[in-house]
PDB file of N, CA and C in Angstrom:
ATOM      1  N   MET A   1      38.694 209.467  56.168  1.00  0.00           N
ATOM      2  CA  MET A   1      40.031 209.044  56.501  1.00  0.00           C
ATOM      3  C   MET A   1      40.341 207.771  55.736  1.00  0.00           C
ATOM      4  N   THR A   2      41.601 207.662  55.347  1.00  0.00           N
ATOM      5  CA  THR A   2      42.069 206.441  54.710  1.00  0.00           C
ATOM      6  C   THR A   2      43.323 205.960  55.438  1.00  0.00           C
ATOM      7  N   TYR A   3      43.441 204.648  55.564  1.00  0.00           N
ATOM      8  CA  TYR A   3      44.605 204.037  56.197  1.00  0.00           C
ATOM      9  C   TYR A   3      45.031 202.851  55.350  1.00  0.00           C
ATOM     10  N   HIS A   4      46.305 202.818  54.980  1.00  0.00           N
ATOM     11  CA  HIS A   4      46.856 201.718  54.203  1.00  0.00           C
ATOM     12  C   HIS A   4      48.036 201.129  54.969  1.00  0.00           C
ATOM     13  N   TYR A   5      48.078 199.822  55.064  1.00  0.00           N
ATOM     14  CA  TYR A   5      49.164 199.123  55.750  1.00  0.00           C
ATOM     15  C   TYR A   5      49.786 198.152  54.752  1.00  0.00           C
ATOM     16  N   PHE A   6      51.080 198.337  54.447  1.00  0.00           N
ATOM     17  CA  PHE A   6      51.764 197.522  53.455  1.00  0.00           C
ATOM     18  C   PHE A   6      52.804 196.640  54.123  1.00  0.00           C
ATOM     19  N   VAL A   7      52.836 195.385  53.695  1.00  0.00           N
ATOM     20  CA  VAL A   7      53.842 194.421  54.146  1.00  0.00           C
ATOM     21  C   VAL A   7      54.580 193.963  52.890  1.00  0.00           C
ATOM     22  N   PRO A   8      55.706 194.615  52.534  1.00  0.00           N
ATOM     23  CA  PRO A   8      56.398 194.269  51.296  1.00  0.00           C
ATOM     24  C   PRO A   8      57.065 192.891  51.321  1.00  0.00           C
ATOM     25  N   SER A   9      57.446 192.413  52.491  1.00  0.00           N
ATOM     26  CA  SER A   9      58.121 191.122  52.588  1.00  0.00           C
ATOM     27  C   SER A   9      57.660 190.421  53.861  1.00  0.00           C
ATOM     28  N   PHE A  10      57.197 189.183  53.710  1.00  0.00           N
ATOM     29  CA  PHE A  10      56.793 188.418  54.873  1.00  0.00           C
ATOM     30  C   PHE A  10      58.000 187.927  55.668  1.00  0.00           C
ATOM     31  N   ASN A  11      59.176 187.887  55.044  1.00  0.00           N
ATOM     32  CA  ASN A  11      60.385 187.430  55.724  1.00  0.00           C
ATOM     33  C   ASN A  11      60.975 188.504  56.637  1.00  0.00           C
ATOM     34  N   ASN A  12      60.817 189.767  56.282  1.00  0.00           N
ATOM     35  CA  ASN A  12      61.384 190.873  57.042  1.00  0.00           C
ATOM     36  C   ASN A  12      60.239 191.718  57.605  1.00  0.00           C
ATOM     37  N   LYS A  13      59.850 191.446  58.826  1.00  0.00           N
ATOM     38  CA  LYS A  13      58.689 192.114  59.415  1.00  0.00           C
ATOM     39  C   LYS A  13      58.990 193.542  59.884  1.00  0.00           C
ATOM     40  N   SER A  14      60.257 193.954  59.869  1.00  0.00           N
ATOM     41  CA  SER A  14      60.597 195.300  60.339  1.00  0.00           C
ATOM     42  C   SER A  14      60.312 196.372  59.293  1.00  0.00           C
ATOM     43  N   ASN A  15      60.096 196.004  58.041  1.00  0.00           N
ATOM     44  CA  ASN A  15      59.857 196.969  56.969  1.00  0.00           C
ATOM     45  C   ASN A  15      58.383 197.027  56.589  1.00  0.00           C
ATOM     46  N   ASN A  16      57.506 197.197  57.556  1.00  0.00           N
ATOM     47  CA  ASN A  16      56.088 197.391  57.277  1.00  0.00           C
ATOM     48  C   ASN A  16      55.788 198.881  57.283  1.00  0.00           C
ATOM     49  N   TYR A  17      54.846 199.309  56.462  1.00  0.00           N
ATOM     50  CA  TYR A  17      54.587 200.731  56.268  1.00  0.00           C
ATOM     51  C   TYR A  17      53.128 201.053  56.518  1.00  0.00           C
ATOM     52  N   SER A  18      52.892 202.168  57.177  1.00  0.00           N
ATOM     53  CA  SER A  18      51.546 202.661  57.431  1.00  0.00           C
ATOM     54  C   SER A  18      51.396 204.033  56.786  1.00  0.00           C
ATOM     55  N   PHE A  19      50.289 204.218  56.077  1.00  0.00           N
ATOM     56  CA  PHE A  19      49.998 205.491  55.425  1.00  0.00           C
ATOM     57  C   PHE A  19      48.611 205.947  55.851  1.00  0.00           C
ATOM     58  N   LEU A  20      48.530 207.194  56.287  1.00  0.00           N
ATOM     59  CA  LEU A  20      47.265 207.749  56.765  1.00  0.00           C
ATOM     60  C   LEU A  20      46.979 209.042  56.018  1.00  0.00           C
ATOM     61  N   GLY A  21      45.755 209.171  55.545  1.00  0.00           N
ATOM     62  CA  GLY A  21      45.315 210.386  54.872  1.00  0.00           C
ATOM     63  C   GLY A  21      43.941 210.785  55.389  1.00  0.00           C
ATOM     64  N   ALA A  22      43.626 212.056  55.301  1.00  0.00           N
ATOM     65  CA  ALA A  22      42.330 212.542  55.776  1.00  0.00           C
ATOM     66  C   ALA A  22      41.852 213.696  54.908  1.00  0.00           C
ATOM     67  N   LYS A  23      40.536 213.832  54.827  1.00  0.00           N
ATOM     68  CA  LYS A  23      39.944 214.931  54.072  1.00  0.00           C
ATOM     69  C   LYS A  23      38.639 215.330  54.743  1.00  0.00           C
ATOM     70  N   ILE A  24      38.425 216.630  54.839  1.00  0.00           N
ATOM     71  CA  ILE A  24      37.171 217.144  55.376  1.00  0.00           C
ATOM     72  C   ILE A  24      36.646 218.188  54.397  1.00  0.00           C
ATOM     73  N   ASN A  25      35.334 218.160  54.193  1.00  0.00           N
ATOM     74  CA  ASN A  25      34.686 219.005  53.207  1.00  0.00           C
ATOM     75  C   ASN A  25      33.568 219.788  53.898  1.00  0.00           C
ATOM     76  N   TYR A  26      33.488 221.078  53.637  1.00  0.00           N
ATOM     77  CA  TYR A  26      32.402 221.910  54.165  1.00  0.00           C
ATOM     78  C   TYR A  26      31.705 222.612  53.009  1.00  0.00           C
ATOM     79  N   ARG A  27      30.393 222.359  52.888  1.00  0.00           N
ATOM     80  CA  ARG A  27      29.582 223.016  51.858  1.00  0.00           C
ATOM     81  C   ARG A  27      28.305 223.543  52.522  1.00  0.00           C
ATOM     82  N   PRO A  28      28.159 224.863  52.649  1.00  0.00           N
ATOM     83  CA  PRO A  28      26.949 225.404  53.274  1.00  0.00           C
ATOM     84  C   PRO A  28      25.727 225.199  52.378  1.00  0.00           C
ATOM     85  N   ASN A  29      24.568 225.102  53.006  1.00  0.00           N
ATOM     86  CA  ASN A  29      23.320 224.955  52.246  1.00  0.00           C
ATOM     87  C   ASN A  29      23.032 226.225  51.455  1.00  0.00           C
ATOM     88  N   ASN A  30      22.545 226.039  50.237  1.00  0.00           N
ATOM     89  CA  ASN A  30      22.131 227.146  49.349  1.00  0.00           C
ATOM     90  C   ASN A  30      23.259 228.130  49.053  1.00  0.00           C
ATOM     91  N   LYS A  31      24.487 227.670  49.019  1.00  0.00           N
ATOM     92  CA  LYS A  31      25.635 228.518  48.674  1.00  0.00           C
ATOM     93  C   LYS A  31      26.339 227.920  47.464  1.00  0.00           C
ATOM     94  N   ASN A  32      27.100 228.757  46.768  1.00  0.00           N
ATOM     95  CA  ASN A  32      27.800 228.316  45.562  1.00  0.00           C
ATOM     96  C   ASN A  32      29.256 227.956  45.809  1.00  0.00           C
ATOM     97  N   TRP A  33      29.661 227.818  47.038  1.00  0.00           N
ATOM     98  CA  TRP A  33      31.067 227.563  47.318  1.00  0.00           C
ATOM     99  C   TRP A  33      31.221 226.416  48.314  1.00  0.00           C
ATOM    100  N   GLN A  34      32.425 225.897  48.363  1.00  0.00           N
ATOM    101  CA  GLN A  34      32.763 224.869  49.343  1.00  0.00           C
ATOM    102  C   GLN A  34      34.256 224.938  49.652  1.00  0.00           C
ATOM    103  N   ILE A  35      34.648 224.412  50.803  1.00  0.00           N
ATOM    104  CA  ILE A  35      36.044 224.381  51.241  1.00  0.00           C
ATOM    105  C   ILE A  35      36.410 222.946  51.591  1.00  0.00           C
ATOM    106  N   ASP A  36      37.564 222.502  51.122  1.00  0.00           N
ATOM    107  CA  ASP A  36      38.104 221.184  51.451  1.00  0.00           C
ATOM    108  C   ASP A  36      39.472 221.367  52.098  1.00  0.00           C
ATOM    109  N   VAL A  37      39.742 220.584  53.129  1.00  0.00           N
ATOM    110  CA  VAL A  37      41.068 220.515  53.740  1.00  0.00           C
ATOM    111  C   VAL A  37      41.459 219.051  53.734  1.00  0.00           C
ATOM    112  N   SER A  38      42.639 218.758  53.178  1.00  0.00           N
ATOM    113  CA  SER A  38      43.093 217.372  53.137  1.00  0.00           C
ATOM    114  C   SER A  38      44.552 217.281  53.581  1.00  0.00           C
ATOM    115  N   GLY A  39      44.896 216.134  54.121  1.00  0.00           N
ATOM    116  CA  GLY A  39      46.264 215.859  54.546  1.00  0.00           C
ATOM    117  C   GLY A  39      46.698 214.512  54.012  1.00  0.00           C
ATOM    118  N   THR A  40      47.929 214.431  53.558  1.00  0.00           N
ATOM    119  CA  THR A  40      48.474 213.202  52.988  1.00  0.00           C
ATOM    120  C   THR A  40      49.764 212.839  53.702  1.00  0.00           C
ATOM    121  N   ASN A  41      49.993 211.539  53.847  1.00  0.00           N
ATOM    122  CA  ASN A  41      51.175 210.999  54.530  1.00  0.00           C
ATOM    123  C   ASN A  41      51.283 211.586  55.947  1.00  0.00           C
ATOM    124  N   LEU A  42      50.191 211.522  56.690  1.00  0.00           N
ATOM    125  CA  LEU A  42      50.138 212.126  58.020  1.00  0.00           C
ATOM    126  C   LEU A  42      51.078 211.450  59.015  1.00  0.00           C
ATOM    127  N   LEU A  43      51.458 210.218  58.767  1.00  0.00           N
ATOM    128  CA  LEU A  43      52.410 209.530  59.638  1.00  0.00           C
ATOM    129  C   LEU A  43      53.853 209.815  59.226  1.00  0.00           C
ATOM    130  N   ASN A  44      54.036 210.579  58.154  1.00  0.00           N
ATOM    131  CA  ASN A  44      55.328 211.097  57.687  1.00  0.00           C
ATOM    132  C   ASN A  44      56.357 210.006  57.383  1.00  0.00           C
ATOM    133  N   GLU A  45      55.953 209.009  56.594  1.00  0.00           N
ATOM    134  CA  GLU A  45      56.902 207.999  56.109  1.00  0.00           C
ATOM    135  C   GLU A  45      57.868 208.656  55.135  1.00  0.00           C
ATOM    136  N   LYS A  46      59.147 208.390  55.279  1.00  0.00           N
ATOM    137  CA  LYS A  46      60.172 209.033  54.447  1.00  0.00           C
ATOM    138  C   LYS A  46      60.422 208.282  53.140  1.00  0.00           C
ATOM    139  N   SER A  47      60.359 206.948  53.195  1.00  0.00           N
ATOM    140  CA  SER A  47      60.626 206.157  51.991  1.00  0.00           C
ATOM    141  C   SER A  47      59.885 204.835  52.087  1.00  0.00           C
ATOM    142  N   TYR A  48      59.866 204.135  50.962  1.00  0.00           N
ATOM    143  CA  TYR A  48      59.193 202.855  50.847  1.00  0.00           C
ATOM    144  C   TYR A  48      60.162 201.900  50.156  1.00  0.00           C
ATOM    145  N   ILE A  49      60.407 200.735  50.742  1.00  0.00           N
ATOM    146  CA  ILE A  49      61.321 199.753  50.166  1.00  0.00           C
ATOM    147  C   ILE A  49      60.532 198.511  49.780  1.00  0.00           C
ATOM    148  N   GLU A  50      60.604 198.147  48.503  1.00  0.00           N
ATOM    149  CA  GLU A  50      59.940 196.956  47.997  1.00  0.00           C
ATOM    150  C   GLU A  50      60.994 195.900  47.715  1.00  0.00           C
ATOM    151  N   GLU A  51      60.747 194.687  48.165  1.00  0.00           N
ATOM    152  CA  GLU A  51      61.721 193.603  48.014  1.00  0.00           C
ATOM    153  C   GLU A  51      61.141 192.525  47.099  1.00  0.00           C
ATOM    154  N   ASN A  52      61.891 192.166  46.055  1.00  0.00           N
ATOM    155  CA  ASN A  52      61.502 191.099  45.125  1.00  0.00           C
ATOM    156  C   ASN A  52      62.574 190.027  45.153  1.00  0.00           C
ATOM    157  N   THR A  53      62.172 188.802  45.438  1.00  0.00           N
ATOM    158  CA  THR A  53      63.116 187.693  45.538  1.00  0.00           C
ATOM    159  C   THR A  53      62.710 186.595  44.575  1.00  0.00           C
ATOM    160  N   SER A  54      63.683 186.096  43.813  1.00  0.00           N
ATOM    161  CA  SER A  54      63.456 184.954  42.932  1.00  0.00           C
ATOM    162  C   SER A  54      64.485 183.879  43.267  1.00  0.00           C
ATOM    163  N   ASP A  55      64.554 182.844  42.451  1.00  0.00           N
ATOM    164  CA  ASP A  55      65.505 181.762  42.695  1.00  0.00           C
ATOM    165  C   ASP A  55      66.953 182.207  42.521  1.00  0.00           C
ATOM    166  N   ILE A  56      67.175 183.213  41.673  1.00  0.00           N
ATOM    167  CA  ILE A  56      68.557 183.597  41.376  1.00  0.00           C
ATOM    168  C   ILE A  56      68.928 185.021  41.797  1.00  0.00           C
ATOM    169  N   SER A  57      67.976 185.799  42.242  1.00  0.00           N
ATOM    170  CA  SER A  57      68.328 187.180  42.595  1.00  0.00           C
ATOM    171  C   SER A  57      67.403 187.728  43.682  1.00  0.00           C
ATOM    172  N   ARG A  58      67.877 188.805  44.249  1.00  0.00           N
ATOM    173  CA  ARG A  58      67.092 189.552  45.236  1.00  0.00           C
ATOM    174  C   ARG A  58      67.224 191.033  44.893  1.00  0.00           C
ATOM    175  N   ASN A  59      66.108 191.688  44.633  1.00  0.00           N
ATOM    176  CA  ASN A  59      66.111 193.091  44.248  1.00  0.00           C
ATOM    177  C   ASN A  59      65.398 193.925  45.297  1.00  0.00           C
ATOM    178  N   LEU A  60      66.002 195.064  45.631  1.00  0.00           N
ATOM    179  CA  LEU A  60      65.389 196.024  46.537  1.00  0.00           C
ATOM    180  C   LEU A  60      65.155 197.316  45.770  1.00  0.00           C
ATOM    181  N   LEU A  61      63.950 197.833  45.841  1.00  0.00           N
ATOM    182  CA  LEU A  61      63.598 199.076  45.181  1.00  0.00           C
ATOM    183  C   LEU A  61      63.175 200.070  46.259  1.00  0.00           C
ATOM    184  N   ARG A  62      63.935 201.142  46.397  1.00  0.00           N
ATOM    185  CA  ARG A  62      63.632 202.165  47.395  1.00  0.00           C
ATOM    186  C   ARG A  62      63.054 203.385  46.689  1.00  0.00           C
ATOM    187  N   THR A  63      61.911 203.842  47.162  1.00  0.00           N
ATOM    188  CA  THR A  63      61.239 205.007  46.609  1.00  0.00           C
ATOM    189  C   THR A  63      61.119 206.060  47.702  1.00  0.00           C
ATOM    190  N   ASN A  64      61.656 207.244  47.456  1.00  0.00           N
ATOM    191  CA  ASN A  64      61.507 208.354  48.397  1.00  0.00           C
ATOM    192  C   ASN A  64      60.110 208.945  48.251  1.00  0.00           C
ATOM    193  N   LEU A  65      59.509 209.276  49.365  1.00  0.00           N
ATOM    194  CA  LEU A  65      58.134 209.778  49.377  1.00  0.00           C
ATOM    195  C   LEU A  65      58.105 211.251  49.735  1.00  0.00           C
ATOM    196  N   LEU A  66      57.042 211.929  49.317  1.00  0.00           N
ATOM    197  CA  LEU A  66      56.824 213.306  49.741  1.00  0.00           C
ATOM    198  C   LEU A  66      56.538 213.313  51.238  1.00  0.00           C
ATOM    199  N   GLU A  67      57.039 214.312  51.927  1.00  0.00           N
ATOM    200  CA  GLU A  67      56.766 214.428  53.348  1.00  0.00           C
ATOM    201  C   GLU A  67      55.303 214.785  53.571  1.00  0.00           C
ATOM    202  N   ARG A  68      54.898 214.757  54.818  1.00  0.00           N
ATOM    203  CA  ARG A  68      53.529 215.107  55.196  1.00  0.00           C
ATOM    204  C   ARG A  68      53.180 216.494  54.645  1.00  0.00           C
ATOM    205  N   TYR A  69      51.990 216.603  54.068  1.00  0.00           N
ATOM    206  CA  TYR A  69      51.556 217.915  53.592  1.00  0.00           C
ATOM    207  C   TYR A  69      50.043 218.052  53.703  1.00  0.00           C
ATOM    208  N   PHE A  70      49.610 219.306  53.728  1.00  0.00           N
ATOM    209  CA  PHE A  70      48.192 219.645  53.816  1.00  0.00           C
ATOM    210  C   PHE A  70      47.818 220.505  52.625  1.00  0.00           C
ATOM    211  N   LEU A  71      46.577 220.399  52.216  1.00  0.00           N
ATOM    212  CA  LEU A  71      46.082 221.140  51.063  1.00  0.00           C
ATOM    213  C   LEU A  71      44.738 221.774  51.420  1.00  0.00           C
ATOM    214  N   LEU A  72      44.618 223.054  51.142  1.00  0.00           N
ATOM    215  CA  LEU A  72      43.369 223.783  51.335  1.00  0.00           C
ATOM    216  C   LEU A  72      42.821 224.123  49.956  1.00  0.00           C
ATOM    217  N   ASN A  73      41.577 223.754  49.705  1.00  0.00           N
ATOM    218  CA  ASN A  73      40.964 223.942  48.396  1.00  0.00           C
ATOM    219  C   ASN A  73      39.659 224.722  48.565  1.00  0.00           C
ATOM    220  N   PHE A  74      39.497 225.766  47.785  1.00  0.00           N
ATOM    221  CA  PHE A  74      38.268 226.556  47.774  1.00  0.00           C
ATOM    222  C   PHE A  74      37.662 226.432  46.378  1.00  0.00           C
ATOM    223  N   THR A  75      36.373 226.083  46.309  1.00  0.00           N
ATOM    224  CA  THR A  75      35.681 225.915  45.027  1.00  0.00           C
ATOM    225  C   THR A  75      34.458 226.822  45.001  1.00  0.00           C
ATOM    226  N   TYR A  76      34.320 227.523  43.899  1.00  0.00           N
ATOM    227  CA  TYR A  76      33.154 228.389  43.711  1.00  0.00           C
ATOM    228  C   TYR A  76      32.507 228.067  42.372  1.00  0.00           C
ATOM    229  N   SER A  77      31.199 227.881  42.380  1.00  0.00           N
ATOM    230  CA  SER A  77      30.434 227.592  41.140  1.00  0.00           C
ATOM    231  C   SER A  77      29.537 228.768  40.812  1.00  0.00           C
ATOM    232  N   PHE A  78      29.471 229.110  39.522  1.00  0.00           N
ATOM    233  CA  PHE A  78      28.570 230.188  39.119  1.00  0.00           C
ATOM    234  C   PHE A  78      27.940 229.865  37.805  1.00  0.00           C
TER     235      PHE A  78
END
C-alpha cells in the first residue's frame, strides 16, 4: 500500500490531498505464472490544485485526475 498526503499551500489548509494506492501479488511455488491486482486513486480525488505565489502574482494550476481504477495483470513465463 502507498499513501501520499500533499499540502500545496500552507495558507489554505482546505486544499490538502490524500492519495491511496494498493497492489497485491500472487505467485504460486514452482509455477510459471503470477497474478497482480492493483488499485490507484482509491480515495477518488477528482482534481489537484497547485498554488504558486510570488511578490507580484498568484498562479493556480488545476489538474484533472483519472478516477479510481483497478488493474488485473496476469504474467506467464516460458
